[in-house]
Amino acid sequence: MINMKTLFDRLKPDIKEQLILQEPLFPTLCGDLIKLLKENVAITELKLGDLNNLSNFKKGYTTKITELYEMFND
């Protein structure tokens, strides 16, 4: 069986760092996102709202749907 990386594993380091750093300030939001990312391997398994919330932890504003996919490494 192939061991697939989770979305948490594939999350770009700068976004992952911010998500973890902000967890004490926003424990429910960050905790829920981390749990979702650790439980899923495909971006399409997440809801748009979850991806939008995650985009708050990256630099700059997300203006295109494709930018949501760019938050992850291949």
PDB file of N, CA and C in Angstrom:
ATOM      1  N   MET A   1       0.840  -1.176   0.000  1.00  0.00           N
ATOM      2  CA  MET A   1       0.000   0.000   0.000  1.00  0.00           C
ATOM      3  C   MET A   1       0.892   1.248   0.000  1.00  0.00           C
ATOM      4  N   ILE A   2       0.516   2.226  -0.783  1.00  0.00           N
ATOM      5  CA  ILE A   2       1.275   3.470  -0.879  1.00  0.00           C
ATOM      6  C   ILE A   2       0.910   4.372   0.292  1.00  0.00           C
ATOM      7  N   ASN A   3       1.915   4.927   0.934  1.00  0.00           N
ATOM      8  CA  ASN A   3       1.695   5.834   2.051  1.00  0.00           C
ATOM      9  C   ASN A   3       1.548   7.255   1.507  1.00  0.00           C
ATOM     10  N   MET A   4       0.321   7.750   1.473  1.00  0.00           N
ATOM     11  CA  MET A   4       0.037   9.086   0.939  1.00  0.00           C
ATOM     12  C   MET A   4       0.300  10.136   2.027  1.00  0.00           C
ATOM     13  N   LYS A   5       0.887  11.245   1.618  1.00  0.00           N
ATOM     14  CA  LYS A   5       1.092  12.347   2.549  1.00  0.00           C
ATOM     15  C   LYS A   5      -0.238  13.038   2.811  1.00  0.00           C
ATOM     16  N   THR A   6      -0.431  13.427   4.056  1.00  0.00           N
ATOM     17  CA  THR A   6      -1.652  14.162   4.392  1.00  0.00           C
ATOM     18  C   THR A   6      -1.524  15.607   3.915  1.00  0.00           C
ATOM     19  N   LEU A   7      -2.645  16.300   3.905  1.00  0.00           N
ATOM     20  CA  LEU A   7      -2.613  17.707   3.537  1.00  0.00           C
ATOM     21  C   LEU A   7      -1.764  18.503   4.525  1.00  0.00           C
ATOM     22  N   PHE A   8      -1.743  18.096   5.777  1.00  0.00           N
ATOM     23  CA  PHE A   8      -0.905  18.772   6.760  1.00  0.00           C
ATOM     24  C   PHE A   8       0.567  18.609   6.396  1.00  0.00           C
ATOM     25  N   ASP A   9       0.937  17.413   5.955  1.00  0.00           N
ATOM     26  CA  ASP A   9       2.320  17.158   5.534  1.00  0.00           C
ATOM     27  C   ASP A   9       2.680  17.993   4.306  1.00  0.00           C
ATOM     28  N   ARG A  10       1.718  18.167   3.406  1.00  0.00           N
ATOM     29  CA  ARG A  10       1.957  18.865   2.144  1.00  0.00           C
ATOM     30  C   ARG A  10       1.790  20.384   2.240  1.00  0.00           C
ATOM     31  N   LEU A  11       1.239  20.870   3.357  1.00  0.00           N
ATOM     32  CA  LEU A  11       1.029  22.306   3.531  1.00  0.00           C
ATOM     33  C   LEU A  11       2.370  23.035   3.479  1.00  0.00           C
ATOM     34  N   LYS A  12       2.409  24.135   2.758  1.00  0.00           N
ATOM     35  CA  LYS A  12       3.666  24.885   2.623  1.00  0.00           C
ATOM     36  C   LYS A  12       4.142  25.332   4.011  1.00  0.00           C
ATOM     37  N   PRO A  13       5.449  25.285   4.235  1.00  0.00           N
ATOM     38  CA  PRO A  13       6.011  25.539   5.572  1.00  0.00           C
ATOM     39  C   PRO A  13       5.621  26.882   6.188  1.00  0.00           C
ATOM     40  N   ASP A  14       5.564  27.945   5.400  1.00  0.00           N
ATOM     41  CA  ASP A  14       5.227  29.251   5.979  1.00  0.00           C
ATOM     42  C   ASP A  14       3.788  29.292   6.470  1.00  0.00           C
ATOM     43  N   ILE A  15       2.883  28.619   5.778  1.00  0.00           N
ATOM     44  CA  ILE A  15       1.481  28.583   6.200  1.00  0.00           C
ATOM     45  C   ILE A  15       1.337  27.692   7.429  1.00  0.00           C
ATOM     46  N   LYS A  16       2.007  26.544   7.421  1.00  0.00           N
ATOM     47  CA  LYS A  16       1.960  25.629   8.564  1.00  0.00           C
ATOM     48  C   LYS A  16       2.494  26.319   9.815  1.00  0.00           C
ATOM     49  N   GLU A  17       3.579  27.057   9.662  1.00  0.00           N
ATOM     50  CA  GLU A  17       4.168  27.772  10.800  1.00  0.00           C
ATOM     51  C   GLU A  17       3.177  28.776  11.391  1.00  0.00           C
ATOM     52  N   GLN A  18       2.520  29.550  10.538  1.00  0.00           N
ATOM     53  CA  GLN A  18       1.551  30.535  11.023  1.00  0.00           C
ATOM     54  C   GLN A  18       0.355  29.864  11.685  1.00  0.00           C
ATOM     55  N   LEU A  19      -0.109  28.772  11.104  1.00  0.00           N
ATOM     56  CA  LEU A  19      -1.237  28.030  11.674  1.00  0.00           C
ATOM     57  C   LEU A  19      -0.908  27.559  13.083  1.00  0.00           C
ATOM     58  N   ILE A  20       0.275  27.024  13.270  1.00  0.00           N
ATOM     59  CA  ILE A  20       0.699  26.522  14.584  1.00  0.00           C
ATOM     60  C   ILE A  20       0.924  27.681  15.555  1.00  0.00           C
ATOM     61  N   LEU A  21       1.550  28.761  15.082  1.00  0.00           N
ATOM     62  CA  LEU A  21       1.804  29.915  15.952  1.00  0.00           C
ATOM     63  C   LEU A  21       0.519  30.588  16.422  1.00  0.00           C
ATOM     64  N   GLN A  22      -0.500  30.590  15.582  1.00  0.00           N
ATOM     65  CA  GLN A  22      -1.761  31.259  15.912  1.00  0.00           C
ATOM     66  C   GLN A  22      -2.717  30.375  16.717  1.00  0.00           C
ATOM     67  N   GLU A  23      -2.376  29.108  16.876  1.00  0.00           N
ATOM     68  CA  GLU A  23      -3.276  28.192  17.586  1.00  0.00           C
ATOM     69  C   GLU A  23      -3.618  28.642  19.009  1.00  0.00           C
ATOM     70  N   PRO A  24      -2.670  29.186  19.791  1.00  0.00           N
ATOM     71  CA  PRO A  24      -3.057  29.660  21.132  1.00  0.00           C
ATOM     72  C   PRO A  24      -4.083  30.802  21.095  1.00  0.00           C
ATOM     73  N   LEU A  25      -4.039  31.623  20.059  1.00  0.00           N
ATOM     74  CA  LEU A  25      -4.990  32.736  19.938  1.00  0.00           C
ATOM     75  C   LEU A  25      -6.343  32.298  19.401  1.00  0.00           C
ATOM     76  N   PHE A  26      -6.339  31.311  18.509  1.00  0.00           N
ATOM     77  CA  PHE A  26      -7.560  30.822  17.863  1.00  0.00           C
ATOM     78  C   PHE A  26      -7.601  29.297  17.949  1.00  0.00           C
ATOM     79  N   PRO A  27      -7.743  28.758  19.173  1.00  0.00           N
ATOM     80  CA  PRO A  27      -7.612  27.309  19.350  1.00  0.00           C
ATOM     81  C   PRO A  27      -8.636  26.473  18.583  1.00  0.00           C
ATOM     82  N   THR A  28      -9.859  26.935  18.516  1.00  0.00           N
ATOM     83  CA  THR A  28     -10.886  26.153  17.818  1.00  0.00           C
ATOM     84  C   THR A  28     -10.644  26.162  16.318  1.00  0.00           C
ATOM     85  N   LEU A  29     -10.459  27.337  15.745  1.00  0.00           N
ATOM     86  CA  LEU A  29     -10.229  27.459  14.304  1.00  0.00           C
ATOM     87  C   LEU A  29      -8.991  26.687  13.875  1.00  0.00           C
ATOM     88  N   CYS A  30      -7.878  26.951  14.523  1.00  0.00           N
ATOM     89  CA  CYS A  30      -6.619  26.299  14.149  1.00  0.00           C
ATOM     90  C   CYS A  30      -6.674  24.801  14.432  1.00  0.00           C
ATOM     91  N   GLY A  31      -7.214  24.437  15.576  1.00  0.00           N
ATOM     92  CA  GLY A  31      -7.310  23.019  15.931  1.00  0.00           C
ATOM     93  C   GLY A  31      -8.156  22.241  14.940  1.00  0.00           C
ATOM     94  N   ASP A  32      -9.295  22.816  14.553  1.00  0.00           N
ATOM     95  CA  ASP A  32     -10.159  22.150  13.573  1.00  0.00           C
ATOM     96  C   ASP A  32      -9.470  22.025  12.219  1.00  0.00           C
ATOM     97  N   LEU A  33      -8.779  23.086  11.798  1.00  0.00           N
ATOM     98  CA  LEU A  33      -8.074  23.034  10.516  1.00  0.00           C
ATOM     99  C   LEU A  33      -6.956  22.002  10.539  1.00  0.00           C
ATOM    100  N   ILE A  34      -6.185  21.979  11.611  1.00  0.00           N
ATOM    101  CA  ILE A  34      -5.093  21.005  11.724  1.00  0.00           C
ATOM    102  C   ILE A  34      -5.643  19.580  11.683  1.00  0.00           C
ATOM    103  N   LYS A  35      -6.738  19.348  12.391  1.00  0.00           N
ATOM    104  CA  LYS A  35      -7.362  18.022  12.393  1.00  0.00           C
ATOM    105  C   LYS A  35      -7.800  17.627  10.984  1.00  0.00           C
ATOM    106  N   LEU A  36      -8.474  18.540  10.275  1.00  0.00           N
ATOM    107  CA  LEU A  36      -8.908  18.262   8.901  1.00  0.00           C
ATOM    108  C   LEU A  36      -7.722  17.956   7.994  1.00  0.00           C
ATOM    109  N   LEU A  37      -6.677  18.760   8.113  1.00  0.00           N
ATOM    110  CA  LEU A  37      -5.506  18.584   7.266  1.00  0.00           C
ATOM    111  C   LEU A  37      -4.798  17.257   7.545  1.00  0.00           C
ATOM    112  N   LYS A  38      -4.799  16.827   8.789  1.00  0.00           N
ATOM    113  CA  LYS A  38      -4.147  15.566   9.145  1.00  0.00           C
ATOM    114  C   LYS A  38      -4.978  14.348   8.754  1.00  0.00           C
ATOM    115  N   GLU A  39      -6.287  14.539   8.582  1.00  0.00           N
ATOM    116  CA  GLU A  39      -7.183  13.424   8.248  1.00  0.00           C
ATOM    117  C   GLU A  39      -7.406  13.251   6.749  1.00  0.00           C
ATOM    118  N   ASN A  40      -6.975  14.200   5.932  1.00  0.00           N
ATOM    119  CA  ASN A  40      -7.272  14.160   4.505  1.00  0.00           C
ATOM    120  C   ASN A  40      -6.004  14.225   3.667  1.00  0.00           C
ATOM    121  N   VAL A  41      -6.087  13.608   2.474  1.00  0.00           N
ATOM    122  CA  VAL A  41      -4.944  13.604   1.565  1.00  0.00           C
ATOM    123  C   VAL A  41      -5.211  14.399   0.287  1.00  0.00           C
ATOM    124  N   ALA A  42      -6.474  14.660  -0.029  1.00  0.00           N
ATOM    125  CA  ALA A  42      -6.820  15.379  -1.256  1.00  0.00           C
ATOM    126  C   ALA A  42      -7.464  16.723  -0.921  1.00  0.00           C
ATOM    127  N   ILE A  43      -7.056  17.751  -1.626  1.00  0.00           N
ATOM    128  CA  ILE A  43      -7.594  19.093  -1.408  1.00  0.00           C
ATOM    129  C   ILE A  43      -9.102  19.108  -1.632  1.00  0.00           C
ATOM    130  N   THR A  44      -9.567  18.317  -2.583  1.00  0.00           N
ATOM    131  CA  THR A  44     -10.993  18.287  -2.908  1.00  0.00           C
ATOM    132  C   THR A  44     -11.849  17.703  -1.785  1.00  0.00           C
ATOM    133  N   GLU A  45     -11.231  17.103  -0.782  1.00  0.00           N
ATOM    134  CA  GLU A  45     -11.972  16.582   0.366  1.00  0.00           C
ATOM    135  C   GLU A  45     -12.360  17.684   1.351  1.00  0.00           C
ATOM    136  N   LEU A  46     -11.758  18.868   1.215  1.00  0.00           N
ATOM    137  CA  LEU A  46     -12.057  19.982   2.116  1.00  0.00           C
ATOM    138  C   LEU A  46     -13.155  20.861   1.536  1.00  0.00           C
ATOM    139  N   LYS A  47     -13.892  21.499   2.421  1.00  0.00           N
ATOM    140  CA  LYS A  47     -14.919  22.451   1.994  1.00  0.00           C
ATOM    141  C   LYS A  47     -14.252  23.769   1.626  1.00  0.00           C
ATOM    142  N   LEU A  48     -14.899  24.508   0.767  1.00  0.00           N
ATOM    143  CA  LEU A  48     -14.370  25.803   0.341  1.00  0.00           C
ATOM    144  C   LEU A  48     -14.170  26.724   1.539  1.00  0.00           C
ATOM    145  N   GLY A  49     -15.082  26.685   2.488  1.00  0.00           N
ATOM    146  CA  GLY A  49     -14.961  27.511   3.689  1.00  0.00           C
ATOM    147  C   GLY A  49     -13.711  27.187   4.492  1.00  0.00           C
ATOM    148  N   ASP A  50     -13.382  25.901   4.571  1.00  0.00           N
ATOM    149  CA  ASP A  50     -12.175  25.489   5.292  1.00  0.00           C
ATOM    150  C   ASP A  50     -10.925  25.990   4.573  1.00  0.00           C
ATOM    151  N   LEU A  51     -10.913  25.877   3.245  1.00  0.00           N
ATOM    152  CA  LEU A  51      -9.773  26.378   2.473  1.00  0.00           C
ATOM    153  C   LEU A  51      -9.652  27.890   2.609  1.00  0.00           C
ATOM    154  N   ASN A  52     -10.784  28.567   2.627  1.00  0.00           N
ATOM    155  CA  ASN A  52     -10.779  30.017   2.799  1.00  0.00           C
ATOM    156  C   ASN A  52     -10.227  30.397   4.167  1.00  0.00           C
ATOM    157  N   ASN A  53     -10.639  29.682   5.205  1.00  0.00           N
ATOM    158  CA  ASN A  53     -10.102  29.935   6.545  1.00  0.00           C
ATOM    159  C   ASN A  53      -8.599  29.689   6.582  1.00  0.00           C
ATOM    160  N   LEU A  54      -8.159  28.629   5.939  1.00  0.00           N
ATOM    161  CA  LEU A  54      -6.732  28.312   5.897  1.00  0.00           C
ATOM    162  C   LEU A  54      -5.943  29.403   5.171  1.00  0.00           C
ATOM    163  N   SER A  55      -6.546  29.979   4.160  1.00  0.00           N
ATOM    164  CA  SER A  55      -5.850  31.020   3.381  1.00  0.00           C
ATOM    165  C   SER A  55      -5.554  32.262   4.213  1.00  0.00           C
ATOM    166  N   ASN A  56      -6.247  32.428   5.329  1.00  0.00           N
ATOM    167  CA  ASN A  56      -5.963  33.560   6.220  1.00  0.00           C
ATOM    168  C   ASN A  56      -4.581  33.472   6.854  1.00  0.00           C
ATOM    169  N   PHE A  57      -3.967  32.302   6.813  1.00  0.00           N
ATOM    170  CA  PHE A  57      -2.664  32.098   7.427  1.00  0.00           C
ATOM    171  C   PHE A  57      -1.514  32.227   6.430  1.00  0.00           C
ATOM    172  N   LYS A  58      -1.829  32.567   5.189  1.00  0.00           N
ATOM    173  CA  LYS A  58      -0.774  32.787   4.198  1.00  0.00           C
ATOM    174  C   LYS A  58      -0.612  34.278   3.965  1.00  0.00           C
ATOM    175  N   LYS A  59       0.500  34.648   3.374  1.00  0.00           N
ATOM    176  CA  LYS A  59       0.756  36.058   3.085  1.00  0.00           C
ATOM    177  C   LYS A  59      -0.119  36.504   1.921  1.00  0.00           C
ATOM    178  N   GLY A  60      -0.670  37.679   2.024  1.00  0.00           N
ATOM    179  CA  GLY A  60      -1.465  38.241   0.934  1.00  0.00           C
ATOM    180  C   GLY A  60      -2.876  37.696   0.910  1.00  0.00           C
ATOM    181  N   TYR A  61      -3.660  38.304   0.038  1.00  0.00           N
ATOM    182  CA  TYR A  61      -5.059  37.917  -0.120  1.00  0.00           C
ATOM    183  C   TYR A  61      -5.203  36.858  -1.205  1.00  0.00           C
ATOM    184  N   THR A  62      -6.178  35.990  -1.034  1.00  0.00           N
ATOM    185  CA  THR A  62      -6.488  34.987  -2.042  1.00  0.00           C
ATOM    186  C   THR A  62      -7.555  35.567  -2.949  1.00  0.00           C
ATOM    187  N   THR A  63      -7.220  35.708  -4.223  1.00  0.00           N
ATOM    188  CA  THR A  63      -8.166  36.297  -5.171  1.00  0.00           C
ATOM    189  C   THR A  63      -8.623  35.300  -6.233  1.00  0.00           C
ATOM    190  N   LYS A  64      -7.965  34.139  -6.294  1.00  0.00           N
ATOM    191  CA  LYS A  64      -8.316  33.128  -7.292  1.00  0.00           C
ATOM    192  C   LYS A  64      -8.406  31.764  -6.626  1.00  0.00           C
ATOM    193  N   ILE A  65      -9.304  30.955  -7.122  1.00  0.00           N
ATOM    194  CA  ILE A  65      -9.457  29.595  -6.599  1.00  0.00           C
ATOM    195  C   ILE A  65      -8.148  28.815  -6.698  1.00  0.00           C
ATOM    196  N   THR A  66      -7.406  29.016  -7.761  1.00  0.00           N
ATOM    197  CA  THR A  66      -6.158  28.270  -7.948  1.00  0.00           C
ATOM    198  C   THR A  66      -5.154  28.552  -6.840  1.00  0.00           C
ATOM    199  N   GLU A  67      -5.249  29.722  -6.225  1.00  0.00           N
ATOM    200  CA  GLU A  67      -4.331  30.065  -5.131  1.00  0.00           C
ATOM    201  C   GLU A  67      -4.566  29.169  -3.916  1.00  0.00           C
ATOM    202  N   LEU A  68      -5.784  28.649  -3.766  1.00  0.00           N
ATOM    203  CA  LEU A  68      -6.062  27.739  -2.662  1.00  0.00           C
ATOM    204  C   LEU A  68      -5.265  26.446  -2.831  1.00  0.00           C
ATOM    205  N   TYR A  69      -5.132  25.994  -4.072  1.00  0.00           N
ATOM    206  CA  TYR A  69      -4.360  24.777  -4.360  1.00  0.00           C
ATOM    207  C   TYR A  69      -2.867  25.028  -4.189  1.00  0.00           C
ATOM    208  N   GLU A  70      -2.435  26.261  -4.402  1.00  0.00           N
ATOM    209  CA  GLU A  70      -1.024  26.593  -4.317  1.00  0.00           C
ATOM    210  C   GLU A  70      -0.506  26.669  -2.881  1.00  0.00           C
ATOM    211  N   MET A  71      -1.397  26.502  -1.902  1.00  0.00           N
ATOM    212  CA  MET A  71      -0.969  26.504  -0.509  1.00  0.00           C
ATOM    213  C   MET A  71      -0.298  25.185  -0.131  1.00  0.00           C
ATOM    214  N   PHE A  72      -0.351  24.199  -1.043  1.00  0.00           N
ATOM    215  CA  PHE A  72       0.164  22.861  -0.779  1.00  0.00           C
ATOM    216  C   PHE A  72       1.272  22.508  -1.759  1.00  0.00           C
ATOM    217  N   ASN A  73       2.245  21.727  -1.275  1.00  0.00           N
ATOM    218  CA  ASN A  73       3.272  21.162  -2.144  1.00  0.00           C
ATOM    219  C   ASN A  73       2.709  19.912  -2.793  1.00  0.00           C
ATOM    220  N   ASP A  74       3.269  19.538  -3.923  1.00  0.00           N
ATOM    221  CA  ASP A  74       2.791  18.320  -4.630  1.00  0.00           C
ATOM    222  C   ASP A  74       3.140  17.070  -3.903  1.00  0.00           C
TER     223      ASP A  74
END
